[in-house]
C-alpha atoms as a PDB file:
ATOM      1  CA  UNK A   1     -82.942 252.385  36.326  1.00  0.00           C
ATOM      2  CA  UNK A   2     -84.454 250.059  38.965  1.00  0.00           C
ATOM      3  CA  UNK A   3     -85.394 247.718  36.179  1.00  0.00           C
ATOM      4  CA  UNK A   4     -81.898 247.462  34.824  1.00  0.00           C
ATOM      5  CA  UNK A   5     -80.379 246.926  38.288  1.00  0.00           C
ATOM      6  CA  UNK A   6     -82.979 244.127  38.794  1.00  0.00           C
ATOM      7  CA  UNK A   7     -82.312 242.556  35.354  1.00  0.00           C
ATOM      8  CA  UNK A   8     -78.389 242.780  36.037  1.00  0.00           C
ATOM      9  CA  UNK A   9     -78.909 241.228  39.396  1.00  0.00           C
ATOM     10  CA  UNK A  10     -80.917 238.456  38.227  1.00  0.00           C
ATOM     11  CA  UNK A  11     -78.396 237.947  35.288  1.00  0.00           C
ATOM     12  CA  UNK A  12     -75.761 237.805  37.601  1.00  0.00           C
ATOM     13  CA  UNK A  13     -77.428 235.241  39.777  1.00  0.00           C
ATOM     14  CA  UNK A  14     -78.074 233.056  37.037  1.00  0.00           C
ATOM     15  CA  UNK A  15     -74.677 233.084  35.683  1.00  0.00           C
ATOM     16  CA  UNK A  16     -73.196 232.496  39.130  1.00  0.00           C
ATOM     17  CA  UNK A  17     -75.579 229.443  39.640  1.00  0.00           C
ATOM     18  CA  UNK A  18     -74.874 228.115  36.028  1.00  0.00           C
ATOM     19  CA  UNK A  19     -71.059 228.539  36.959  1.00  0.00           C
ATOM     20  CA  UNK A  20     -71.230 226.619  40.102  1.00  0.00           C
ATOM     21  CA  UNK A  21     -73.465 223.807  38.771  1.00  0.00           C
ATOM     22  CA  UNK A  22     -70.622 223.313  36.090  1.00  0.00           C
ATOM     23  CA  UNK A  23     -68.019 222.904  38.738  1.00  0.00           C
ATOM     24  CA  UNK A  24     -70.137 220.139  40.782  1.00  0.00           C
ATOM     25  CA  UNK A  25     -68.727 216.689  40.250  1.00  0.00           C
ATOM     26  CA  UNK A  26     -71.061 214.157  38.789  1.00  0.00           C
ATOM     27  CA  UNK A  27     -72.850 212.091  41.389  1.00  0.00           C
ATOM     28  CA  UNK A  28     -71.590 208.702  41.702  1.00  0.00           C
ATOM     29  CA  UNK A  29     -74.484 206.152  41.674  1.00  0.00           C
ATOM     30  CA  UNK A  30     -75.098 204.919  45.206  1.00  0.00           C
ATOM     31  CA  UNK A  31     -74.901 201.082  45.894  1.00  0.00           C
ATOM     32  CA  UNK A  32     -78.175 199.706  47.344  1.00  0.00           C
ATOM     33  CA  UNK A  33     -77.820 198.458  50.858  1.00  0.00           C
ATOM     34  CA  UNK A  34     -76.805 194.870  51.298  1.00  0.00           C
ATOM     35  CA  UNK A  35     -80.156 194.027  52.448  1.00  0.00           C
ATOM     36  CA  UNK A  36     -81.711 195.501  49.212  1.00  0.00           C
ATOM     37  CA  UNK A  37     -79.646 193.315  46.784  1.00  0.00           C
ATOM     38  CA  UNK A  38     -81.130 189.954  45.985  1.00  0.00           C
ATOM     39  CA  UNK A  39     -78.970 187.207  47.514  1.00  0.00           C
ATOM     40  CA  UNK A  40     -77.434 184.315  45.282  1.00  0.00           C
ATOM     41  CA  UNK A  41     -77.664 181.100  46.785  1.00  0.00           C
ATOM     42  CA  UNK A  42     -74.212 179.575  47.175  1.00  0.00           C
ATOM     43  CA  UNK A  43     -73.481 176.641  45.110  1.00  0.00           C
ATOM     44  CA  UNK A  44     -74.247 173.412  47.026  1.00  0.00           C
ATOM     45  CA  UNK A  45     -71.236 170.884  47.405  1.00  0.00           C
ATOM     46  CA  UNK A  46     -72.012 167.389  46.342  1.00  0.00           C
ATOM     47  CA  UNK A  47     -72.351 166.027  49.815  1.00  0.00           C
ATOM     48  CA  UNK A  48     -75.355 168.396  50.421  1.00  0.00           C
ATOM     49  CA  UNK A  49     -77.156 166.911  47.578  1.00  0.00           C
ATOM     50  CA  UNK A  50     -76.267 163.353  48.498  1.00  0.00           C
ATOM     51  CA  UNK A  51     -77.917 163.849  52.179  1.00  0.00           C
ATOM     52  CA  UNK A  52     -81.127 165.069  50.512  1.00  0.00           C
ATOM     53  CA  UNK A  53     -81.008 162.199  47.949  1.00  0.00           C
ATOM     54  CA  UNK A  54     -80.476 159.754  50.744  1.00  0.00           C
ATOM     55  CA  UNK A  55     -83.624 160.880  52.644  1.00  0.00           C
ATOM     56  CA  UNK A  56     -85.500 160.448  49.380  1.00  0.00           C
ATOM     57  CA  UNK A  57     -83.862 157.060  48.653  1.00  0.00           C
ATOM     58  CA  UNK A  58     -84.850 155.861  52.235  1.00  0.00           C
ATOM     59  CA  UNK A  59     -88.554 156.740  51.804  1.00  0.00           C
ATOM     60  CA  UNK A  60     -88.966 155.050  48.593  1.00  0.00           C
ATOM     61  CA  UNK A  61     -86.938 151.929  48.683  1.00  0.00           C
ATOM     62  CA  UNK A  62     -87.400 149.170  51.535  1.00  0.00           C
ATOM     63  CA  UNK A  63     -83.672 148.247  51.648  1.00  0.00           C
ATOM     64  CA  UNK A  64     -81.332 150.038  53.733  1.00  0.00           C
ATOM     65  CA  UNK A  65     -78.685 152.401  52.229  1.00  0.00           C
ATOM     66  CA  UNK A  66     -75.996 151.140  54.506  1.00  0.00           C
ATOM     67  CA  UNK A  67     -72.945 149.790  52.202  1.00  0.00           C
ATOM     68  CA  UNK A  68     -74.373 151.691  49.013  1.00  0.00           C
ATOM     69  CA  UNK A  69     -72.149 153.864  47.012  1.00  0.00           C
ATOM     70  CA  UNK A  70     -73.731 157.460  46.361  1.00  0.00           C
ATOM     71  CA  UNK A  71     -72.327 159.024  43.013  1.00  0.00           C
ATOM     72  CA  UNK A  72     -73.042 162.557  42.252  1.00  0.00           C
ATOM     73  CA  UNK A  73     -73.405 163.734  38.676  1.00  0.00           C
ATOM     74  CA  UNK A  74     -73.685 167.551  37.918  1.00  0.00           C
ATOM     75  CA  UNK A  75     -74.495 169.138  34.688  1.00  0.00           C
ATOM     76  CA  UNK A  76     -70.992 169.011  33.284  1.00  0.00           C
ATOM     77  CA  UNK A  77     -70.519 165.436  33.953  1.00  0.00           C
ATOM     78  CA  UNK A  78     -74.142 164.527  32.687  1.00  0.00           C
ATOM     79  CA  UNK A  79     -72.848 163.513  28.882  1.00  0.00           C
ATOM     80  CA  UNK A  80     -70.081 161.407  30.158  1.00  0.00           C
ATOM     81  CA  UNK A  81     -72.618 159.884  32.764  1.00  0.00           C
ATOM     82  CA  UNK A  82     -74.986 159.122  29.890  1.00  0.00           C
ATOM     83  CA  UNK A  83     -72.335 156.863  28.217  1.00  0.00           C
ATOM     84  CA  UNK A  84     -71.664 154.767  31.352  1.00  0.00           C
ATOM     85  CA  UNK A  85     -72.938 151.266  31.701  1.00  0.00           C
ATOM     86  CA  UNK A  86     -74.204 151.978  35.099  1.00  0.00           C
ATOM     87  CA  UNK A  87     -75.184 155.479  35.293  1.00  0.00           C
ATOM     88  CA  UNK A  88     -76.588 155.867  31.548  1.00  0.00           C
ATOM     89  CA  UNK A  89     -79.860 154.260  32.050  1.00  0.00           C
ATOM     90  CA  UNK A  90     -80.602 156.305  34.886  1.00  0.00           C
ATOM     91  CA  UNK A  91     -79.422 159.757  33.390  1.00  0.00           C
ATOM     92  CA  UNK A  92     -81.430 158.772  30.204  1.00  0.00           C
ATOM     93  CA  UNK A  93     -84.696 159.317  32.318  1.00  0.00           C
ATOM     94  CA  UNK A  94     -84.341 163.118  32.243  1.00  0.00           C
ATOM     95  CA  UNK A  95     -82.599 165.569  29.658  1.00  0.00           C
ATOM     96  CA  UNK A  96     -79.377 167.237  30.511  1.00  0.00           C
ATOM     97  CA  UNK A  97     -79.897 170.949  31.614  1.00  0.00           C
ATOM     98  CA  UNK A  98     -77.825 173.655  33.156  1.00  0.00           C
ATOM     99  CA  UNK A  99     -78.091 173.362  36.768  1.00  0.00           C
ATOM    100  CA  UNK A 100     -79.600 169.682  36.579  1.00  0.00           C
ATOM    101  CA  UNK A 101     -77.718 166.933  38.569  1.00  0.00           C
ATOM    102  CA  UNK A 102     -78.373 163.633  40.199  1.00  0.00           C
ATOM    103  CA  UNK A 103     -77.250 161.531  42.909  1.00  0.00           C
ATOM    104  CA  UNK A 104     -77.250 157.644  42.107  1.00  0.00           C
ATOM    105  CA  UNK A 105     -77.034 154.966  44.931  1.00  0.00           C
ATOM    106  CA  UNK A 106     -75.935 151.603  43.948  1.00  0.00           C
ATOM    107  CA  UNK A 107     -75.608 148.486  46.179  1.00  0.00           C
ATOM    108  CA  UNK A 108     -72.280 146.805  46.485  1.00  0.00           C
ATOM    109  CA  UNK A 109     -73.602 144.075  43.837  1.00  0.00           C
ATOM    110  CA  UNK A 110     -75.307 146.565  41.802  1.00  0.00           C
ATOM    111  CA  UNK A 111     -78.589 144.625  41.972  1.00  0.00           C
ATOM    112  CA  UNK A 112     -80.365 147.571  43.532  1.00  0.00           C
ATOM    113  CA  UNK A 113     -80.156 151.304  42.835  1.00  0.00           C
ATOM    114  CA  UNK A 114     -81.912 154.507  43.369  1.00  0.00           C
ATOM    115  CA  UNK A 115     -81.379 157.782  41.646  1.00  0.00           C
ATOM    116  CA  UNK A 116     -82.701 161.255  42.729  1.00  0.00           C
ATOM    117  CA  UNK A 117     -82.904 164.063  40.231  1.00  0.00           C
ATOM    118  CA  UNK A 118     -82.198 167.879  41.108  1.00  0.00           C
ATOM    119  CA  UNK A 119     -83.061 171.067  39.282  1.00  0.00           C
ATOM    120  CA  UNK A 120     -80.849 173.565  41.054  1.00  0.00           C
ATOM    121  CA  UNK A 121     -81.218 172.768  44.741  1.00  0.00           C
ATOM    122  CA  UNK A 122     -84.603 170.815  44.403  1.00  0.00           C
ATOM    123  CA  UNK A 123     -85.075 167.334  44.174  1.00  0.00           C
ATOM    124  CA  UNK A 124     -87.937 166.719  41.775  1.00  0.00           C
ATOM    125  CA  UNK A 125     -87.791 163.092  40.638  1.00  0.00           C
ATOM    126  CA  UNK A 126     -86.588 159.681  41.572  1.00  0.00           C
ATOM    127  CA  UNK A 127     -86.258 156.096  40.194  1.00  0.00           C
ATOM    128  CA  UNK A 128     -85.698 153.165  42.435  1.00  0.00           C
ATOM    129  CA  UNK A 129     -85.064 149.725  41.066  1.00  0.00           C
ATOM    130  CA  UNK A 130     -83.933 146.167  41.763  1.00  0.00           C
ATOM    131  CA  UNK A 131     -82.402 143.680  39.086  1.00  0.00           C
ATOM    132  CA  UNK A 132     -84.901 141.313  37.408  1.00  0.00           C
ATOM    133  CA  UNK A 133     -84.372 137.741  36.672  1.00  0.00           C
ATOM    134  CA  UNK A 134     -81.263 138.490  34.690  1.00  0.00           C
ATOM    135  CA  UNK A 135     -79.528 139.805  37.821  1.00  0.00           C
ATOM    136  CA  UNK A 136     -79.067 143.165  36.033  1.00  0.00           C
ATOM    137  CA  UNK A 137     -80.964 146.438  36.205  1.00  0.00           C
ATOM    138  CA  UNK A 138     -82.623 146.944  32.901  1.00  0.00           C
ATOM    139  CA  UNK A 139     -82.830 150.384  31.171  1.00  0.00           C
ATOM    140  CA  UNK A 140     -86.667 149.776  30.820  1.00  0.00           C
ATOM    141  CA  UNK A 141     -87.191 149.091  34.223  1.00  0.00           C
ATOM    142  CA  UNK A 142     -85.243 152.338  35.104  1.00  0.00           C
ATOM    143  CA  UNK A 143     -87.577 154.501  33.082  1.00  0.00           C
ATOM    144  CA  UNK A 144     -90.853 152.920  34.308  1.00  0.00           C
ATOM    145  CA  UNK A 145     -89.886 153.259  37.824  1.00  0.00           C
ATOM    146  CA  UNK A 146     -89.761 157.210  37.644  1.00  0.00           C
ATOM    147  CA  UNK A 147     -91.963 159.340  40.000  1.00  0.00           C
ATOM    148  CA  UNK A 148     -91.907 162.924  40.985  1.00  0.00           C
ATOM    149  CA  UNK A 149     -90.643 163.698  44.435  1.00  0.00           C
ATOM    150  CA  UNK A 150     -93.254 164.290  47.151  1.00  0.00           C
ATOM    151  CA  UNK A 151     -93.092 166.044  50.370  1.00  0.00           C
ATOM    152  CA  UNK A 152     -93.404 162.884  52.146  1.00  0.00           C
ATOM    153  CA  UNK A 153     -90.241 161.544  50.415  1.00  0.00           C
ATOM    154  CA  UNK A 154     -88.098 164.381  51.833  1.00  0.00           C
ATOM    155  CA  UNK A 155     -88.603 163.650  55.319  1.00  0.00           C
ATOM    156  CA  UNK A 156     -85.509 162.852  57.401  1.00  0.00           C
ATOM    157  CA  UNK A 157     -84.616 159.250  58.435  1.00  0.00           C
ATOM    158  CA  UNK A 158     -84.285 158.442  62.130  1.00  0.00           C
ATOM    159  CA  UNK A 159     -81.035 156.444  61.438  1.00  0.00           C
ATOM    160  CA  UNK A 160     -77.988 158.544  61.136  1.00  0.00           C
ATOM    161  CA  UNK A 161     -75.835 158.051  58.013  1.00  0.00           C
ATOM    162  CA  UNK A 162     -72.282 158.971  57.303  1.00  0.00           C
ATOM    163  CA  UNK A 163     -70.735 159.359  54.038  1.00  0.00           C
ATOM    164  CA  UNK A 164     -67.244 158.549  53.576  1.00  0.00           C
ATOM    165  CA  UNK A 165     -65.827 160.586  50.500  1.00  0.00           C
ATOM    166  CA  UNK A 166     -64.171 158.910  47.754  1.00  0.00           C
ATOM    167  CA  UNK A 167     -64.152 159.085  43.918  1.00  0.00           C
ATOM    168  CA  UNK A 168     -65.843 157.087  41.027  1.00  0.00           C
ATOM    169  CA  UNK A 169     -65.127 157.343  37.496  1.00  0.00           C
ATOM    170  CA  UNK A 170     -67.412 156.860  34.507  1.00  0.00           C
ATOM    171  CA  UNK A 171     -66.592 154.167  31.871  1.00  0.00           C
ATOM    172  CA  UNK A 172     -64.720 156.811  29.823  1.00  0.00           C
ATOM    173  CA  UNK A 173     -62.829 158.046  32.960  1.00  0.00           C
ATOM    174  CA  UNK A 174     -64.388 161.082  33.874  1.00  0.00           C
ATOM    175  CA  UNK A 175     -64.048 161.608  37.749  1.00  0.00           C
ATOM    176  CA  UNK A 176     -67.082 161.920  39.856  1.00  0.00           C
ATOM    177  CA  UNK A 177     -67.603 162.723  43.588  1.00  0.00           C
ATOM    178  CA  UNK A 178     -68.772 159.451  45.453  1.00  0.00           C
ATOM    179  CA  UNK A 179     -69.495 158.549  48.816  1.00  0.00           C
ATOM    180  CA  UNK A 180     -69.776 155.213  50.783  1.00  0.00           C
ATOM    181  CA  UNK A 181     -72.917 155.152  52.944  1.00  0.00           C
ATOM    182  CA  UNK A 182     -72.350 153.761  56.417  1.00  0.00           C
ATOM    183  CA  UNK A 183     -73.965 154.189  60.048  1.00  0.00           C
ATOM    184  CA  UNK A 184     -73.234 156.785  62.510  1.00  0.00           C
ATOM    185  CA  UNK A 185     -70.708 154.402  64.182  1.00  0.00           C
ATOM    186  CA  UNK A 186     -68.861 152.992  61.479  1.00  0.00           C
ATOM    187  CA  UNK A 187     -66.749 155.956  60.385  1.00  0.00           C
ATOM    188  CA  UNK A 188     -64.961 158.059  63.231  1.00  0.00           C
ATOM    189  CA  UNK A 189     -66.086 161.711  63.322  1.00  0.00           C
END
């Protein structure tokens, strides 16, 4: 009789435990704390790329960037830029990829130019050319001038540059962010 009481007691406890677990709400998955989730870098605005590219350009070309026009080309505008008479020779140096962009600086007479290439937020290549005897920048000169960006090329310049925002269009009318380069005293802050 004691065995029957123990078996009934155990069976009752088992049934109570089974019934209780059936009524428990499913556990909601917990979100990891903010510090545990990988942060996604914010997409930089064109001006941030232009400032990095200006440092590179100042370190690879002897002439000042004052008066130059900086044009930002993102991956969406790359195809249109390839067809452009001024940008095309520079963009042909590197293939289009997602998250690839470039910043090209042109003198006001378009006889000197520098283009800095980016993968994501990282400047990885540069071309700096001057017009030859023809007075124009030749596509072959652009390709031959390409070199990888080194740490020394990323050093900040001593002269403060200001970038007056504007717009430029490719030959087929695609709008691109552009910035006129000036010294710290030319444009009001």
